[in-house]
């Protein structure tokens, strides 16, 4: 049977700041620019979750896209949406920078054990029209 890749797209809004406590305010702004704003800043994120597998011979699905959406919402976007990524989300360590790269890795970890009949292939997290990160579980 053929291997097929299916992608579900979800969206969430969240605030964060990039900041290293051991650095001065000047050093933080030098390193992170506007992302070090002490009053936080936000993004409208777009999350692409790609799974891979062989379509079920009867139903034709790798996974029901509605079921995949429910899993993503329960495990990830309901926790991230309208949150402060530095303070509010239980699966983001307080000592970790809430960058797009780190979020992609953490989202993978939240989803990988909740899929059946398919495998997680890629997490693509778009922060802005110019910035996104992809993670393949490596």
N, C-alpha and C. Protein backbone atom coordinates (compact mmCIF):
# COMPACT_ATOMS: atom_id res chain seq x y z
N UNK A 1 0.84 -1.20 0.00
CA UNK A 1 0.00 0.00 0.00
C UNK A 1 0.88 1.25 0.00
N UNK A 2 0.29 2.32 -0.45
CA UNK A 2 1.00 3.59 -0.55
C UNK A 2 1.06 4.31 0.80
N UNK A 3 2.16 4.99 1.02
CA UNK A 3 2.32 5.82 2.20
C UNK A 3 1.81 7.22 1.84
N UNK A 4 0.91 7.75 2.66
CA UNK A 4 0.30 9.05 2.39
C UNK A 4 0.58 9.99 3.57
N UNK A 5 0.79 11.26 3.27
CA UNK A 5 1.02 12.28 4.27
C UNK A 5 -0.22 13.17 4.32
N UNK A 6 -0.78 13.34 5.50
CA UNK A 6 -1.96 14.17 5.70
C UNK A 6 -1.61 15.30 6.66
N UNK A 7 -1.99 16.52 6.31
CA UNK A 7 -1.72 17.67 7.16
C UNK A 7 -3.01 18.32 7.61
N UNK A 8 -3.08 18.59 8.90
CA UNK A 8 -4.20 19.34 9.49
C UNK A 8 -3.64 20.67 9.97
N UNK A 9 -4.35 21.75 9.68
CA UNK A 9 -3.92 23.10 10.06
C UNK A 9 -4.84 23.61 11.16
N UNK A 10 -4.23 24.11 12.22
CA UNK A 10 -4.96 24.73 13.33
C UNK A 10 -4.30 26.07 13.63
N UNK A 11 -5.00 26.92 14.34
CA UNK A 11 -4.48 28.25 14.66
C UNK A 11 -4.66 28.55 16.14
N UNK A 12 -3.75 29.37 16.67
CA UNK A 12 -3.89 29.86 18.04
C UNK A 12 -3.17 31.19 18.17
N UNK A 13 -3.58 31.95 19.17
CA UNK A 13 -2.97 33.25 19.47
C UNK A 13 -2.33 33.14 20.84
N UNK A 14 -1.12 33.69 20.99
CA UNK A 14 -0.46 33.61 22.28
C UNK A 14 0.57 34.73 22.41
N UNK A 15 0.88 35.05 23.66
CA UNK A 15 1.88 36.07 23.98
C UNK A 15 3.11 35.41 24.58
N UNK A 16 4.24 36.08 24.44
CA UNK A 16 5.47 35.61 25.07
C UNK A 16 6.49 36.74 25.06
N UNK A 17 7.60 36.51 25.70
CA UNK A 17 8.76 37.38 25.53
C UNK A 17 9.99 36.50 25.61
N UNK A 18 11.03 36.95 24.97
CA UNK A 18 12.32 36.28 25.03
C UNK A 18 13.19 37.10 25.96
N UNK A 19 13.74 36.43 26.99
CA UNK A 19 14.46 37.16 28.03
C UNK A 19 15.36 36.18 28.78
N UNK A 20 16.57 36.60 29.05
CA UNK A 20 17.50 35.84 29.88
C UNK A 20 17.71 36.64 31.16
N UNK A 21 17.29 36.07 32.28
CA UNK A 21 17.34 36.79 33.56
C UNK A 21 18.75 37.22 33.97
N UNK A 22 19.74 36.46 33.58
CA UNK A 22 21.11 36.77 33.96
C UNK A 22 21.71 37.91 33.14
N UNK A 23 21.00 38.37 32.12
CA UNK A 23 21.50 39.46 31.29
C UNK A 23 20.87 40.78 31.71
N UNK A 24 21.53 41.86 31.36
CA UNK A 24 20.97 43.19 31.58
C UNK A 24 19.83 43.43 30.58
N UNK A 25 19.04 44.46 30.88
CA UNK A 25 17.97 44.83 29.94
C UNK A 25 18.57 45.18 28.58
N UNK A 26 19.68 45.90 28.62
CA UNK A 26 20.36 46.29 27.38
C UNK A 26 20.79 45.07 26.56
N UNK A 27 21.38 44.08 27.23
CA UNK A 27 21.83 42.87 26.54
C UNK A 27 20.64 42.09 25.98
N UNK A 28 19.53 42.00 26.74
CA UNK A 28 18.34 41.31 26.24
C UNK A 28 17.79 41.99 24.99
N UNK A 29 17.72 43.32 25.00
CA UNK A 29 17.21 44.03 23.82
C UNK A 29 18.18 43.93 22.65
N UNK A 30 19.47 43.90 22.95
CA UNK A 30 20.47 43.72 21.90
C UNK A 30 20.30 42.35 21.23
N UNK A 31 20.05 41.34 22.04
CA UNK A 31 19.92 39.97 21.53
C UNK A 31 18.55 39.69 20.90
N UNK A 32 17.47 40.12 21.56
CA UNK A 32 16.12 39.72 21.16
C UNK A 32 15.28 40.84 20.56
N UNK A 33 15.76 42.07 20.58
CA UNK A 33 15.01 43.18 20.01
C UNK A 33 13.63 43.33 20.64
N UNK A 34 12.61 43.61 19.83
CA UNK A 34 11.25 43.81 20.31
C UNK A 34 10.70 42.59 21.06
N UNK A 35 11.25 41.43 20.79
CA UNK A 35 10.78 40.21 21.46
C UNK A 35 11.10 40.21 22.95
N UNK A 36 11.94 41.15 23.40
CA UNK A 36 12.28 41.26 24.82
C UNK A 36 11.39 42.29 25.53
N UNK A 37 10.35 42.76 24.88
CA UNK A 37 9.46 43.74 25.49
C UNK A 37 8.98 43.26 26.85
N UNK A 38 9.23 44.08 27.89
CA UNK A 38 8.87 43.65 29.25
C UNK A 38 7.37 43.44 29.43
N UNK A 39 6.56 44.03 28.57
CA UNK A 39 5.10 43.86 28.63
C UNK A 39 4.59 42.80 27.67
N UNK A 40 5.51 41.95 27.18
CA UNK A 40 5.16 40.83 26.31
C UNK A 40 4.80 41.32 24.91
N UNK A 41 4.59 40.41 24.02
CA UNK A 41 4.09 40.67 22.67
C UNK A 41 3.43 39.38 22.19
N UNK A 42 2.60 39.47 21.16
CA UNK A 42 1.85 38.30 20.74
C UNK A 42 1.99 37.98 19.27
N UNK A 43 1.55 36.75 18.95
CA UNK A 43 1.55 36.26 17.57
C UNK A 43 0.26 35.51 17.30
N UNK A 44 -0.13 35.51 16.04
CA UNK A 44 -1.20 34.66 15.54
C UNK A 44 -0.50 33.48 14.86
N UNK A 45 -0.37 32.38 15.58
CA UNK A 45 0.36 31.22 15.09
C UNK A 45 -0.51 30.35 14.20
N UNK A 46 0.12 29.73 13.22
CA UNK A 46 -0.52 28.71 12.40
C UNK A 46 0.27 27.43 12.58
N UNK A 47 -0.42 26.37 12.96
CA UNK A 47 0.20 25.08 13.24
C UNK A 47 -0.20 24.07 12.18
N UNK A 48 0.79 23.48 11.53
CA UNK A 48 0.56 22.40 10.57
C UNK A 48 1.05 21.10 11.22
N UNK A 49 0.15 20.15 11.37
CA UNK A 49 0.50 18.84 11.91
C UNK A 49 0.37 17.84 10.77
N UNK A 50 1.49 17.23 10.40
CA UNK A 50 1.49 16.25 9.31
C UNK A 50 1.73 14.87 9.87
N UNK A 51 0.85 13.95 9.50
CA UNK A 51 0.98 12.55 9.89
C UNK A 51 1.20 11.73 8.62
N UNK A 52 1.69 10.50 8.82
CA UNK A 52 1.89 9.63 7.66
C UNK A 52 1.38 8.25 7.99
N UNK A 53 0.92 7.57 6.95
CA UNK A 53 0.44 6.22 7.13
C UNK A 53 -0.20 5.70 5.85
N UNK A 54 -0.71 4.51 5.94
CA UNK A 54 -1.39 3.86 4.82
C UNK A 54 -2.89 4.05 5.01
N UNK A 55 -3.59 4.53 4.00
CA UNK A 55 -5.03 4.72 4.15
C UNK A 55 -5.73 3.40 4.50
N UNK A 56 -6.66 3.48 5.41
CA UNK A 56 -7.49 2.34 5.76
C UNK A 56 -8.23 1.88 4.51
N UNK A 57 -8.20 0.59 4.18
CA UNK A 57 -8.82 0.12 2.93
C UNK A 57 -10.33 0.35 2.87
N UNK A 58 -11.00 0.37 3.98
CA UNK A 58 -12.45 0.54 3.99
C UNK A 58 -12.85 2.01 4.00
N UNK A 59 -12.27 2.78 4.90
CA UNK A 59 -12.64 4.19 5.05
C UNK A 59 -11.84 5.12 4.15
N UNK A 60 -10.62 4.73 3.79
CA UNK A 60 -9.78 5.55 2.93
C UNK A 60 -8.97 6.61 3.65
N UNK A 61 -9.03 6.62 4.98
CA UNK A 61 -8.31 7.61 5.77
C UNK A 61 -7.00 7.06 6.31
N UNK A 62 -5.98 7.93 6.38
CA UNK A 62 -4.80 7.65 7.20
C UNK A 62 -5.24 7.83 8.66
N UNK A 63 -5.96 8.93 8.90
CA UNK A 63 -6.65 9.21 10.16
C UNK A 63 -7.78 10.17 9.78
N UNK A 64 -8.89 10.05 10.44
CA UNK A 64 -10.00 10.96 10.20
C UNK A 64 -9.52 12.38 10.56
N UNK A 65 -9.59 13.30 9.62
CA UNK A 65 -9.07 14.66 9.83
C UNK A 65 -9.78 15.37 10.98
N UNK A 66 -11.05 15.08 11.18
CA UNK A 66 -11.78 15.69 12.31
C UNK A 66 -11.26 15.14 13.63
N UNK A 67 -10.95 13.84 13.66
CA UNK A 67 -10.39 13.25 14.87
C UNK A 67 -9.01 13.84 15.15
N UNK A 68 -8.21 14.01 14.11
CA UNK A 68 -6.89 14.62 14.26
C UNK A 68 -7.02 16.04 14.81
N UNK A 69 -7.99 16.79 14.30
CA UNK A 69 -8.23 18.14 14.79
C UNK A 69 -8.57 18.13 16.28
N UNK A 70 -9.42 17.21 16.69
CA UNK A 70 -9.81 17.11 18.10
C UNK A 70 -8.60 16.81 18.97
N UNK A 71 -7.74 15.90 18.53
CA UNK A 71 -6.53 15.56 19.29
C UNK A 71 -5.63 16.79 19.43
N UNK A 72 -5.43 17.51 18.32
CA UNK A 72 -4.57 18.70 18.35
C UNK A 72 -5.14 19.74 19.30
N UNK A 73 -6.44 19.95 19.24
CA UNK A 73 -7.06 20.95 20.12
C UNK A 73 -6.95 20.54 21.58
N UNK A 74 -7.26 19.29 21.90
CA UNK A 74 -7.23 18.84 23.29
C UNK A 74 -5.82 18.85 23.86
N UNK A 75 -4.85 18.40 23.09
CA UNK A 75 -3.49 18.24 23.60
C UNK A 75 -2.65 19.50 23.48
N UNK A 76 -2.99 20.38 22.53
CA UNK A 76 -2.09 21.49 22.25
C UNK A 76 -2.79 22.86 22.20
N UNK A 77 -3.62 23.08 21.20
CA UNK A 77 -4.07 24.45 20.96
C UNK A 77 -5.00 24.99 22.04
N UNK A 78 -5.80 24.15 22.66
CA UNK A 78 -6.63 24.65 23.77
C UNK A 78 -5.76 25.14 24.92
N UNK A 79 -4.59 24.57 25.08
CA UNK A 79 -3.67 24.98 26.15
C UNK A 79 -2.88 26.24 25.76
N UNK A 80 -2.59 26.39 24.47
CA UNK A 80 -1.77 27.51 24.00
C UNK A 80 -2.59 28.75 23.67
N UNK A 81 -3.80 28.58 23.19
CA UNK A 81 -4.58 29.70 22.68
C UNK A 81 -4.89 30.72 23.78
N UNK A 82 -4.62 31.97 23.46
CA UNK A 82 -4.84 33.10 24.37
C UNK A 82 -4.11 32.91 25.71
N UNK A 83 -2.91 32.37 25.64
CA UNK A 83 -2.11 32.16 26.84
C UNK A 83 -0.85 33.02 26.78
N UNK A 84 -0.19 33.08 27.92
CA UNK A 84 1.16 33.63 27.99
C UNK A 84 2.07 32.40 27.98
N UNK A 85 2.81 32.22 26.91
CA UNK A 85 3.63 31.02 26.75
C UNK A 85 4.70 30.90 27.83
N UNK A 86 5.14 32.01 28.39
CA UNK A 86 6.16 31.97 29.44
C UNK A 86 5.60 31.58 30.80
N UNK A 87 4.30 31.76 31.00
CA UNK A 87 3.74 31.60 32.34
C UNK A 87 2.61 30.57 32.45
N UNK A 88 1.82 30.38 31.42
CA UNK A 88 0.54 29.69 31.56
C UNK A 88 0.49 28.23 31.13
N UNK A 89 1.44 27.76 30.36
CA UNK A 89 1.30 26.47 29.69
C UNK A 89 2.10 25.39 30.43
N UNK A 90 1.40 24.36 30.87
CA UNK A 90 2.03 23.34 31.72
C UNK A 90 3.14 22.56 31.04
N UNK A 91 3.11 22.43 29.71
CA UNK A 91 4.14 21.63 29.05
C UNK A 91 5.33 22.47 28.54
N UNK A 92 5.34 23.77 28.85
CA UNK A 92 6.48 24.62 28.50
C UNK A 92 7.26 24.92 29.78
N UNK A 93 8.47 24.39 29.91
CA UNK A 93 9.27 24.67 31.11
C UNK A 93 9.54 26.17 31.24
N UNK A 94 9.44 26.67 32.45
CA UNK A 94 9.63 28.11 32.70
C UNK A 94 11.06 28.56 32.37
N UNK A 95 11.99 27.64 32.32
CA UNK A 95 13.39 27.97 32.03
C UNK A 95 13.71 27.93 30.54
N UNK A 96 12.73 27.56 29.71
CA UNK A 96 12.96 27.41 28.27
C UNK A 96 12.44 28.63 27.53
N UNK A 97 13.22 29.15 26.60
CA UNK A 97 12.75 30.25 25.77
C UNK A 97 11.57 29.76 24.92
N UNK A 98 10.49 30.53 24.91
CA UNK A 98 9.29 30.15 24.15
C UNK A 98 9.43 30.58 22.69
N UNK A 99 10.47 30.06 22.04
CA UNK A 99 10.71 30.35 20.62
C UNK A 99 9.88 29.40 19.76
N UNK A 100 9.75 29.76 18.51
CA UNK A 100 9.03 28.91 17.57
C UNK A 100 9.70 27.54 17.47
N UNK A 101 11.03 27.53 17.49
CA UNK A 101 11.76 26.27 17.39
C UNK A 101 11.46 25.36 18.58
N UNK A 102 11.54 25.92 19.80
CA UNK A 102 11.26 25.12 20.99
C UNK A 102 9.80 24.68 21.06
N UNK A 103 8.89 25.56 20.64
CA UNK A 103 7.47 25.19 20.65
C UNK A 103 7.19 24.03 19.71
N UNK A 104 7.83 24.02 18.54
CA UNK A 104 7.62 22.92 17.59
C UNK A 104 8.02 21.58 18.22
N UNK A 105 9.14 21.56 18.92
CA UNK A 105 9.61 20.34 19.59
C UNK A 105 8.64 19.93 20.69
N UNK A 106 8.19 20.88 21.49
CA UNK A 106 7.27 20.58 22.59
C UNK A 106 5.92 20.10 22.08
N UNK A 107 5.43 20.70 21.01
CA UNK A 107 4.15 20.27 20.43
C UNK A 107 4.26 18.83 19.95
N UNK A 108 5.35 18.47 19.32
CA UNK A 108 5.59 17.08 18.91
C UNK A 108 5.42 16.15 20.12
N UNK A 109 6.07 16.52 21.21
CA UNK A 109 6.01 15.69 22.41
C UNK A 109 4.60 15.54 22.95
N UNK A 110 3.79 16.56 22.81
CA UNK A 110 2.41 16.51 23.30
C UNK A 110 1.51 15.65 22.41
N UNK A 111 1.85 15.51 21.15
CA UNK A 111 0.98 14.79 20.20
C UNK A 111 1.38 13.34 19.94
N UNK A 112 2.66 13.03 20.00
CA UNK A 112 3.17 11.76 19.47
C UNK A 112 2.51 10.52 20.06
N UNK A 113 2.13 10.55 21.31
CA UNK A 113 1.54 9.36 21.94
C UNK A 113 0.03 9.30 21.85
N UNK A 114 -0.58 10.25 21.16
CA UNK A 114 -2.05 10.30 21.09
C UNK A 114 -2.59 9.92 19.72
N UNK A 115 -1.73 9.47 18.83
CA UNK A 115 -2.16 9.09 17.49
C UNK A 115 -2.22 7.58 17.36
N UNK A 116 -3.21 7.09 16.63
CA UNK A 116 -3.27 5.66 16.36
C UNK A 116 -3.56 5.45 14.88
N UNK A 117 -2.95 4.44 14.31
CA UNK A 117 -3.13 4.13 12.89
C UNK A 117 -2.26 4.96 11.97
N UNK A 118 -1.47 5.87 12.54
CA UNK A 118 -0.58 6.70 11.74
C UNK A 118 0.56 7.16 12.63
N UNK A 119 1.56 7.78 12.01
CA UNK A 119 2.70 8.31 12.75
C UNK A 119 2.80 9.80 12.54
N UNK A 120 3.28 10.50 13.55
CA UNK A 120 3.58 11.92 13.40
C UNK A 120 4.77 12.06 12.46
N UNK A 121 4.66 12.92 11.47
CA UNK A 121 5.73 13.13 10.51
C UNK A 121 6.42 14.49 10.70
N UNK A 122 5.61 15.55 10.86
CA UNK A 122 6.19 16.89 10.93
C UNK A 122 5.28 17.84 11.70
N UNK A 123 5.91 18.68 12.48
CA UNK A 123 5.25 19.84 13.09
C UNK A 123 5.83 21.06 12.40
N UNK A 124 4.98 21.85 11.80
CA UNK A 124 5.40 23.13 11.21
C UNK A 124 4.63 24.21 11.95
N UNK A 125 5.36 25.10 12.61
CA UNK A 125 4.74 26.17 13.37
C UNK A 125 5.15 27.50 12.74
N UNK A 126 4.14 28.23 12.27
CA UNK A 126 4.37 29.52 11.63
C UNK A 126 4.08 30.62 12.64
N UNK A 127 5.09 31.44 12.92
CA UNK A 127 4.96 32.54 13.87
C UNK A 127 4.53 33.82 13.17
N UNK A 128 5.14 34.11 12.04
CA UNK A 128 4.81 35.28 11.22
C UNK A 128 4.87 34.84 9.77
N UNK A 129 4.53 35.74 8.88
CA UNK A 129 4.61 35.38 7.46
C UNK A 129 6.05 35.14 7.01
N UNK A 130 7.01 35.55 7.84
CA UNK A 130 8.43 35.40 7.49
C UNK A 130 9.18 34.38 8.32
N UNK A 131 8.56 33.85 9.36
CA UNK A 131 9.27 32.96 10.28
C UNK A 131 8.44 31.72 10.58
N UNK A 132 9.04 30.55 10.37
CA UNK A 132 8.42 29.31 10.80
C UNK A 132 9.50 28.29 11.11
N UNK A 133 9.11 27.29 11.89
CA UNK A 133 10.04 26.20 12.22
C UNK A 133 9.35 24.88 11.90
N UNK A 134 10.16 23.92 11.46
CA UNK A 134 9.66 22.56 11.21
C UNK A 134 10.46 21.59 12.06
N UNK A 135 9.76 20.60 12.61
CA UNK A 135 10.43 19.58 13.43
C UNK A 135 9.92 18.21 13.01
N UNK A 136 10.86 17.29 12.81
CA UNK A 136 10.55 15.95 12.32
C UNK A 136 10.85 14.87 13.35
N UNK A 137 10.95 15.24 14.61
CA UNK A 137 11.17 14.25 15.66
C UNK A 137 12.59 13.76 15.78
N UNK A 138 13.51 14.42 15.17
CA UNK A 138 14.92 13.99 15.16
C UNK A 138 15.67 14.56 16.35
